Amino acid sequence: RGMIPHKTKRGQAALARLRVFDGIPPPYDKRRRVCV
């Protein structure tokens, strides 16, 4: 469907909820890796 419309209130709310990490975030860096 394409990209999120960031100019709308709904799109801004969706992007505010989105969290993106480069690598492995702190709570999961010590945990054992599992293939799903």
Protein backbone atom coordinates (compact mmCIF):
# COMPACT_ATOMS: atom_id res chain seq x y z
CA ARG A 1 0.00 0.00 0.00
CA GLY A 2 2.98 2.33 0.16
CA MET A 3 4.37 4.56 2.85
CA ILE A 4 2.63 5.93 5.95
CA PRO A 5 1.05 9.38 5.37
CA HIS A 6 3.14 11.38 7.87
CA LYS A 7 1.24 14.63 7.20
CA THR A 8 -1.99 13.33 8.74
CA LYS A 9 -2.70 13.10 12.49
CA ARG A 10 -3.18 9.33 12.11
CA GLY A 11 0.15 8.95 10.34
CA GLN A 12 1.99 11.06 12.92
CA ALA A 13 0.52 8.93 15.72
CA ALA A 14 1.61 5.74 13.93
CA LEU A 15 5.15 7.02 13.43
CA ALA A 16 5.32 8.13 17.08
CA ARG A 17 4.51 4.55 18.16
CA LEU A 18 7.17 3.09 15.88
CA ARG A 19 10.52 2.31 17.52
CA VAL A 20 13.50 1.37 15.35
CA PHE A 21 16.86 0.04 16.52
CA ASP A 22 20.24 -0.24 14.81
CA GLY A 23 21.52 -3.57 16.13
CA ILE A 24 20.14 -5.24 19.27
CA PRO A 25 18.41 -3.07 21.92
CA PRO A 26 19.51 -3.28 25.60
CA PRO A 27 16.93 -5.73 27.07
CA TYR A 28 17.70 -8.31 24.36
CA ASP A 29 21.48 -7.98 23.92
CA LYS A 30 22.24 -10.35 26.81
CA ARG A 31 19.59 -12.90 25.83
CA ARG A 32 20.37 -16.07 23.87
CA ARG A 33 19.64 -15.80 20.13
CA VAL A 34 16.79 -17.96 18.82
CA CYS A 35 15.86 -18.62 15.18
CA VAL A 36 12.11 -18.39 14.60
